[in-house]
Amino acid sequence: MRVWVDCTAAAHPLVLRPIAEALERDGHEVAITTREYGQTTGILDRLGLPYEVVGRHAGAGTAAKALAVAGRSAALARWARPRRFDLGLAHGSVDIAVVGALLRIPTVQMQDYEHAGLQRRVSWRIARRVLVPDAIPLEALERAGAKPSKVFRYPGLKEDYYLAGFEPSAEVIDELGLPGLGISPDRAADARVLAVVRPPPETSAYHADNPLYERVLDRIAADPAAVAVVVSRTERQRAAALARSEPSLVVPERAIDAQSLIAFADLVVSAGGTMNREAVALGTPVYTIFTGAMGAVDERLIADGLLRPLGDPAAIELRKREGVPGVRTPRDPQVLVDAILAACS
């Protein structure tokens, strides 16, 4: 079977890698497409996944997004038509949904946030199967366009599946010039607190303005006993963080092993979703400064005390973390693979 995987944001290669690899081990042919956006291609490169770039992100404007979808979908249709795919797979790509409908390719959509707008509704209505965490109620999925008959609800977090078997590497700490920081064999060499900060997804329609982000950086930069690694989403965000010229803010210039960094960090403060949940999966204390509509997955994590909403950066507890890095609740990604393949039966 020929399977087409479309990665349109930085989290998608991580989420879809174990599924694509399992499909290839089972003898299926997998082709990956992506677009120029943030660190998506850099993460694909770091994971060693072959891909083809088609199109780029258009920015935050609604009209620009619509034009970008139309243009990229047309280009993808030309690319996909001669390849005669049997199945399309994505984590929220509206482009693969449009092309799938046009070329009659069955599509499967993964997602763990139910509140995004028109693109989500289009993708879910077109998809033959929708895979979501069981924290999201069926009625919320149906309102967003996913009929209960096409929904597969899996237990836990998507991060539990793609981090299963994950062994964090301290190489990222050395790569960032921070040996001895965080939970590492030689952590006594540096008593400072290691924080990971993720800026808001500023180009996403579902994300409101976020006044907390800069205040979080102010809070950490003002504490001589703390260091913050700012894992920016875009070059603009990276440039803005560098322009602060604060020695306690470390801003990587390329895609890094963020999962290992989170595993060794003392805490995470993130305005996004995936990095919050990676921290939960890896047992790292995490604050959310997300300002959009809170999704059911994060609401459950907050209720369980695994994710802390942050209203005032002064409340951040900058202290060393105890414990051993590792995945808290690993889950077998074969569960997801089986559900995806069932879409073709």
Protein backbone atom coordinates (compact mmCIF):
# COMPACT_ATOMS: atom_id res chain seq x y z
CA MET A 1 0.00 0.00 0.00
CA ARG A 2 1.20 3.53 -0.80
CA VAL A 3 0.82 5.94 2.13
CA TRP A 4 1.24 9.70 1.94
CA VAL A 5 2.16 11.57 5.17
CA ASP A 6 1.93 15.39 5.27
CA CYS A 7 3.79 17.32 8.01
CA THR A 8 2.79 20.97 8.24
CA ALA A 9 4.14 21.97 11.69
CA ALA A 10 7.14 21.15 13.87
CA ALA A 11 5.31 18.64 16.08
CA HIS A 12 4.09 16.52 13.17
CA PRO A 13 7.36 14.69 12.32
CA LEU A 14 7.62 13.64 15.96
CA VAL A 15 4.03 12.42 16.16
CA LEU A 16 4.00 10.64 12.80
CA ARG A 17 7.53 9.17 12.74
CA PRO A 18 6.81 5.95 14.70
CA ILE A 19 3.69 5.36 12.63
CA ALA A 20 5.51 5.88 9.32
CA GLU A 21 8.34 3.60 10.46
CA ALA A 22 5.90 0.89 11.55
CA LEU A 23 4.12 1.07 8.19
CA GLU A 24 7.42 0.69 6.35
CA ARG A 25 8.39 -2.28 8.52
CA ASP A 26 5.11 -3.90 7.50
CA GLY A 27 6.03 -3.48 3.82
CA HIS A 28 4.06 -0.35 2.98
CA GLU A 29 5.57 2.46 0.90
CA VAL A 30 5.59 5.82 2.72
CA ALA A 31 6.19 9.25 1.19
CA ILE A 32 6.42 12.41 3.32
CA THR A 33 5.68 15.98 2.27
CA THR A 34 6.13 19.15 4.28
CA ARG A 35 6.10 22.93 3.90
CA GLU A 36 8.57 25.63 4.84
CA TYR A 37 7.42 26.62 8.30
CA GLY A 38 9.43 27.19 11.46
CA GLN A 39 11.62 24.23 12.35
CA THR A 40 9.56 21.56 10.58
CA THR A 41 12.18 20.69 7.97
CA GLY A 42 14.94 20.90 10.57
CA ILE A 43 13.19 18.34 12.76
CA LEU A 44 12.61 16.04 9.77
CA ASP A 45 16.33 16.29 9.04
CA ARG A 46 17.25 15.59 12.66
CA LEU A 47 15.00 12.51 12.69
CA GLY A 48 16.50 11.28 9.41
CA LEU A 49 13.14 11.21 7.61
CA PRO A 50 13.21 11.74 3.82
CA TYR A 51 10.71 14.34 2.57
CA GLU A 52 9.72 16.70 -0.22
CA VAL A 53 8.98 20.37 0.41
CA VAL A 54 5.81 21.71 -1.19
CA GLY A 55 4.79 25.28 -0.34
CA ARG A 56 5.26 27.42 2.76
CA HIS A 57 3.30 28.87 5.65
CA ALA A 58 1.45 32.06 4.72
CA GLY A 59 1.41 33.82 8.10
CA ALA A 60 -1.44 34.71 10.42
CA GLY A 61 -3.94 36.45 8.10
CA THR A 62 -7.12 34.59 7.20
CA ALA A 63 -7.04 35.64 3.55
CA ALA A 64 -3.38 34.71 3.23
CA LYS A 65 -4.06 31.32 4.82
CA ALA A 66 -6.89 30.64 2.35
CA LEU A 67 -4.68 31.54 -0.60
CA ALA A 68 -1.87 29.38 0.76
CA VAL A 69 -4.19 26.38 1.18
CA ALA A 70 -5.44 26.80 -2.38
CA GLY A 71 -1.94 27.16 -3.82
CA ARG A 72 -0.34 24.37 -1.82
CA SER A 73 -3.26 22.01 -2.39
CA ALA A 74 -3.00 22.55 -6.13
CA ALA A 75 0.73 21.84 -6.04
CA LEU A 76 0.22 18.76 -3.87
CA ALA A 77 -2.49 17.47 -6.19
CA ARG A 78 -0.05 17.65 -9.12
CA TRP A 79 2.56 15.88 -7.00
CA ALA A 80 0.24 13.18 -5.65
CA ARG A 81 -1.83 12.34 -8.73
CA PRO A 82 0.77 10.17 -10.55
CA ARG A 83 1.77 8.43 -7.30
CA ARG A 84 -1.68 6.86 -6.80
CA PHE A 85 -1.69 6.81 -3.02
CA ASP A 86 -3.96 4.40 -1.16
CA LEU A 87 -4.04 6.42 2.06
CA GLY A 88 -3.21 9.90 3.34
CA LEU A 89 -2.19 10.61 6.94
CA ALA A 90 -1.72 13.90 8.78
CA HIS A 91 -2.01 15.62 12.13
CA GLY A 92 -4.24 18.53 11.17
CA SER A 93 -3.17 19.23 7.58
CA VAL A 94 -6.07 20.76 5.67
CA ASP A 95 -4.06 20.49 2.44
CA ILE A 96 -4.04 16.70 2.50
CA ALA A 97 -7.77 16.76 3.20
CA VAL A 98 -8.48 18.92 0.15
CA VAL A 99 -6.24 16.84 -2.12
CA GLY A 100 -7.61 13.61 -0.69
CA ALA A 101 -11.16 14.69 -1.55
CA LEU A 102 -10.09 15.80 -5.02
CA LEU A 103 -8.15 12.64 -5.87
CA ARG A 104 -10.36 10.27 -3.86
CA ILE A 105 -7.56 9.27 -1.50
CA PRO A 106 -8.92 8.09 1.88
CA THR A 107 -7.42 10.26 4.62
CA VAL A 108 -6.86 9.79 8.33
CA GLN A 109 -6.48 12.80 10.59
CA MET A 110 -4.89 12.80 14.03
CA GLN A 111 -5.54 15.70 16.40
CA ASP A 112 -5.62 16.45 20.10
CA TYR A 113 -7.19 19.93 20.12
CA GLU A 114 -10.85 20.36 19.31
CA HIS A 115 -11.20 24.15 19.15
CA ALA A 116 -9.34 25.21 15.98
CA GLY A 117 -11.60 26.71 13.36
CA LEU A 118 -12.60 26.13 9.77
CA GLN A 119 -9.53 24.11 8.76
CA ARG A 120 -10.19 21.55 11.49
CA ARG A 121 -13.85 21.21 10.51
CA VAL A 122 -12.95 20.74 6.84
CA SER A 123 -10.29 18.14 7.62
CA TRP A 124 -12.49 16.15 9.96
CA ARG A 125 -15.52 16.15 7.65
CA ILE A 126 -13.42 14.83 4.77
CA ALA A 127 -11.40 12.27 6.76
CA ARG A 128 -12.44 8.64 6.74
CA ARG A 129 -11.08 8.25 10.28
CA VAL A 130 -10.18 10.72 13.05
CA LEU A 131 -7.80 9.70 15.86
CA VAL A 132 -8.02 11.70 19.09
CA PRO A 133 -7.24 11.23 22.81
CA ASP A 134 -10.11 9.87 24.86
CA ALA A 135 -10.10 13.06 26.96
CA ILE A 136 -12.01 14.83 24.17
CA PRO A 137 -15.78 14.24 24.48
CA LEU A 138 -17.62 12.83 21.48
CA GLU A 139 -20.02 15.77 21.43
CA ALA A 140 -17.12 18.21 21.04
CA LEU A 141 -15.75 16.15 18.15
CA GLU A 142 -19.13 16.03 16.47
CA ARG A 143 -19.52 19.82 16.75
CA ALA A 144 -16.13 20.13 15.04
CA GLY A 145 -17.19 17.93 12.14
CA ALA A 146 -16.16 14.41 13.16
CA LYS A 147 -19.06 11.96 13.19
CA PRO A 148 -18.82 9.42 16.04
CA SER A 149 -18.71 6.57 13.51
CA LYS A 150 -15.35 7.76 12.15
CA VAL A 151 -13.73 8.56 15.52
CA PHE A 152 -11.09 6.39 17.19
CA ARG A 153 -10.35 7.59 20.74
CA TYR A 154 -7.07 6.35 22.17
CA PRO A 155 -6.07 6.37 25.85
CA GLY A 156 -3.52 8.84 27.18
CA LEU A 157 -1.56 11.46 25.26
CA LYS A 158 -0.20 11.27 21.73
CA GLU A 159 3.17 11.99 23.36
CA ASP A 160 2.91 8.73 25.33
CA TYR A 161 3.01 6.89 21.99
CA TYR A 162 5.79 8.66 20.11
CA LEU A 163 7.97 8.85 23.21
CA ALA A 164 7.57 5.14 23.98
CA GLY A 165 11.06 3.68 24.10
CA PHE A 166 12.60 7.16 24.21
CA GLU A 167 15.98 7.42 25.92
CA PRO A 168 17.01 11.04 26.56
CA SER A 169 20.49 12.05 25.49
CA ALA A 170 22.53 14.55 27.51
CA GLU A 171 24.29 15.57 24.29
CA VAL A 172 21.76 18.38 23.83
CA ILE A 173 22.89 19.92 27.12
CA ASP A 174 26.48 19.99 25.91
CA GLU A 175 25.41 21.20 22.46
CA LEU A 176 23.80 24.24 24.09
CA GLY A 177 26.93 24.96 26.12
CA LEU A 178 25.25 24.07 29.42
CA PRO A 179 27.15 21.05 30.80
CA GLY A 180 26.11 20.07 34.31
CA LEU A 181 22.69 21.71 34.14
CA GLY A 182 19.41 19.95 34.78
CA ILE A 183 19.02 16.33 35.83
CA SER A 184 22.29 14.82 34.63
CA PRO A 185 25.06 12.67 36.14
CA ASP A 186 27.22 15.74 36.78
CA ARG A 187 24.44 18.19 37.70
CA ALA A 188 26.29 19.15 40.88
CA ALA A 189 28.73 20.98 38.61
CA ASP A 190 26.10 23.70 37.99
CA ALA A 191 23.47 24.47 40.61
CA ARG A 192 21.46 26.80 38.40
CA VAL A 193 17.88 25.90 37.49
CA LEU A 194 17.33 24.90 33.85
CA ALA A 195 14.06 26.13 32.38
CA VAL A 196 12.71 25.50 28.87
CA VAL A 197 10.46 28.21 27.43
CA ARG A 198 8.27 27.82 24.33
CA PRO A 199 6.82 30.98 22.72
CA PRO A 200 3.20 31.19 21.56
CA PRO A 201 2.11 29.84 18.14
CA GLU A 202 1.66 33.39 16.90
CA THR A 203 0.60 32.45 13.37
CA SER A 204 -2.19 30.11 14.50
CA ALA A 205 -5.73 31.39 14.24
CA TYR A 206 -6.74 29.68 17.50
CA HIS A 207 -4.15 31.46 19.63
CA ALA A 208 -4.95 34.79 21.26
CA ASP A 209 -2.38 37.51 22.01
CA ASN A 210 -0.06 36.41 24.80
CA PRO A 211 1.17 39.13 27.18
CA LEU A 212 2.68 36.58 29.58
CA TYR A 213 5.47 35.27 27.38
CA GLU A 214 7.80 38.28 27.63
CA ARG A 215 7.08 38.56 31.35
CA VAL A 216 8.11 34.92 31.79
CA LEU A 217 11.44 35.71 30.12
CA ASP A 218 11.80 38.78 32.37
CA ARG A 219 11.18 36.63 35.44
CA ILE A 220 13.75 33.98 34.56
CA ALA A 221 16.37 36.40 33.21
CA ALA A 222 16.21 38.40 36.45
CA ASP A 223 17.16 35.37 38.55
CA PRO A 224 20.92 34.69 38.59
CA ALA A 225 20.22 31.12 39.71
CA ALA A 226 18.32 30.25 36.51
CA VAL A 227 18.96 29.67 32.82
CA ALA A 228 16.24 29.56 30.17
CA VAL A 229 16.47 27.83 26.80
CA VAL A 230 14.02 29.54 24.45
CA VAL A 231 12.84 27.01 21.85
CA SER A 232 11.50 29.46 19.28
CA ARG A 233 9.01 28.50 16.58
CA THR A 234 10.04 31.03 13.93
CA GLU A 235 13.09 33.02 12.96
CA ARG A 236 11.30 36.20 14.04
CA GLN A 237 10.81 34.81 17.54
CA ARG A 238 14.43 33.70 17.67
CA ALA A 239 15.64 37.16 16.64
CA ALA A 240 13.44 38.83 19.25
CA ALA A 241 14.78 36.60 22.02
CA LEU A 242 18.37 37.22 20.93
CA ALA A 243 17.71 40.98 20.84
CA ARG A 244 17.13 40.90 24.60
CA SER A 245 20.91 40.29 24.95
CA GLU A 246 20.55 38.54 28.29
CA PRO A 247 23.25 35.96 29.07
CA SER A 248 20.83 33.70 30.96
CA LEU A 249 18.65 33.25 27.84
CA VAL A 250 19.95 30.60 25.45
CA VAL A 251 18.40 30.63 21.98
CA PRO A 252 19.28 27.65 19.72
CA GLU A 253 19.97 28.54 16.12
CA ARG A 254 18.65 25.28 14.69
CA ALA A 255 16.29 22.41 15.51
CA ILE A 256 17.49 20.58 18.63
CA ASP A 257 16.60 17.43 20.51
CA ALA A 258 13.90 19.25 22.47
CA GLN A 259 12.54 16.06 24.00
CA SER A 260 15.89 15.26 25.66
CA LEU A 261 16.18 18.89 26.75
CA ILE A 262 12.76 18.68 28.42
CA ALA A 263 13.66 15.37 30.06
CA PHE A 264 16.75 16.92 31.69
CA ALA A 265 15.17 20.31 32.47
CA ASP A 266 14.00 21.40 35.90
CA LEU A 267 10.82 22.96 34.51
CA VAL A 268 9.02 23.97 31.32
CA VAL A 269 6.93 27.07 30.60
CA SER A 270 5.11 26.81 27.29
CA ALA A 271 2.48 28.75 25.39
CA GLY A 272 1.82 25.81 23.09
CA GLY A 273 0.32 22.38 23.46
CA THR A 274 2.74 19.67 22.36
CA MET A 275 5.67 20.82 24.47
CA ASN A 276 3.41 21.05 27.53
CA ARG A 277 2.31 17.48 27.02
CA GLU A 278 5.85 16.27 26.28
CA ALA A 279 6.83 17.64 29.68
CA VAL A 280 3.92 15.80 31.31
CA ALA A 281 4.87 12.58 29.50
CA LEU A 282 8.47 12.97 30.67
CA GLY A 283 7.56 13.87 34.25
CA THR A 284 8.95 17.42 34.09
CA PRO A 285 7.11 20.18 36.02
CA VAL A 286 5.29 22.36 33.47
CA TYR A 287 3.37 25.63 33.41
CA THR A 288 1.02 26.56 30.59
CA ILE A 289 0.61 30.16 29.42
CA PHE A 290 -1.61 29.17 26.51
CA THR A 291 -4.23 31.91 25.98
CA GLY A 292 -6.56 30.25 23.47
CA ALA A 293 -9.61 28.14 24.32
CA MET A 294 -8.35 25.39 26.60
CA GLY A 295 -8.70 21.95 25.05
CA ALA A 296 -10.14 18.94 26.84
CA VAL A 297 -6.75 17.19 27.00
CA ASP A 298 -5.13 20.08 28.86
CA GLU A 299 -8.19 20.52 31.06
CA ARG A 300 -7.80 16.90 32.20
CA LEU A 301 -4.07 17.37 32.82
CA ILE A 302 -4.79 20.49 34.89
CA ALA A 303 -7.47 18.65 36.88
CA ASP A 304 -4.98 15.84 37.53
CA GLY A 305 -2.35 18.31 38.74
CA LEU A 306 0.05 17.45 35.91
CA LEU A 307 -0.16 20.83 34.14
CA ARG A 308 -0.19 24.14 35.99
CA PRO A 309 -1.89 27.20 34.46
CA LEU A 310 0.23 30.33 35.02
CA GLY A 311 -1.41 33.73 35.48
CA ASP A 312 1.52 35.54 37.10
CA PRO A 313 5.17 34.78 36.20
CA ALA A 314 6.13 35.60 39.79
CA ALA A 315 4.48 32.30 40.74
CA ILE A 316 7.03 30.23 38.79
CA GLU A 317 8.95 28.01 41.19
CA LEU A 318 12.56 28.14 40.04
CA ARG A 319 14.04 25.18 41.86
CA LYS A 320 16.05 22.06 41.09
CA ARG A 321 14.02 19.01 40.17
CA GLU A 322 14.53 15.59 41.66
CA GLY A 323 14.11 12.29 39.85
CA VAL A 324 15.38 10.34 36.89
CA PRO A 325 14.56 11.33 33.28
CA GLY A 326 12.22 8.98 31.45
CA VAL A 327 8.79 8.46 29.96
CA ARG A 328 6.07 8.37 32.63
CA THR A 329 3.48 6.23 30.79
CA PRO A 330 4.83 4.74 27.53
CA ARG A 331 2.24 3.29 25.15
CA ASP A 332 2.61 1.07 22.08
CA PRO A 333 2.13 3.11 18.86
CA GLN A 334 0.93 -0.06 17.11
CA VAL A 335 -2.50 0.80 18.53
CA LEU A 336 -2.52 3.90 16.33
CA VAL A 337 -1.12 2.07 13.30
CA ASP A 338 -3.89 -0.53 13.48
CA ALA A 339 -6.56 2.15 13.74
CA ILE A 340 -5.12 3.98 10.73
CA LEU A 341 -4.94 0.87 8.56
CA ALA A 342 -8.54 0.04 9.46
CA ALA A 343 -9.56 3.14 7.50
CA CYS A 344 -8.75 1.23 4.32
CA SER A 345 -10.63 -1.94 5.19
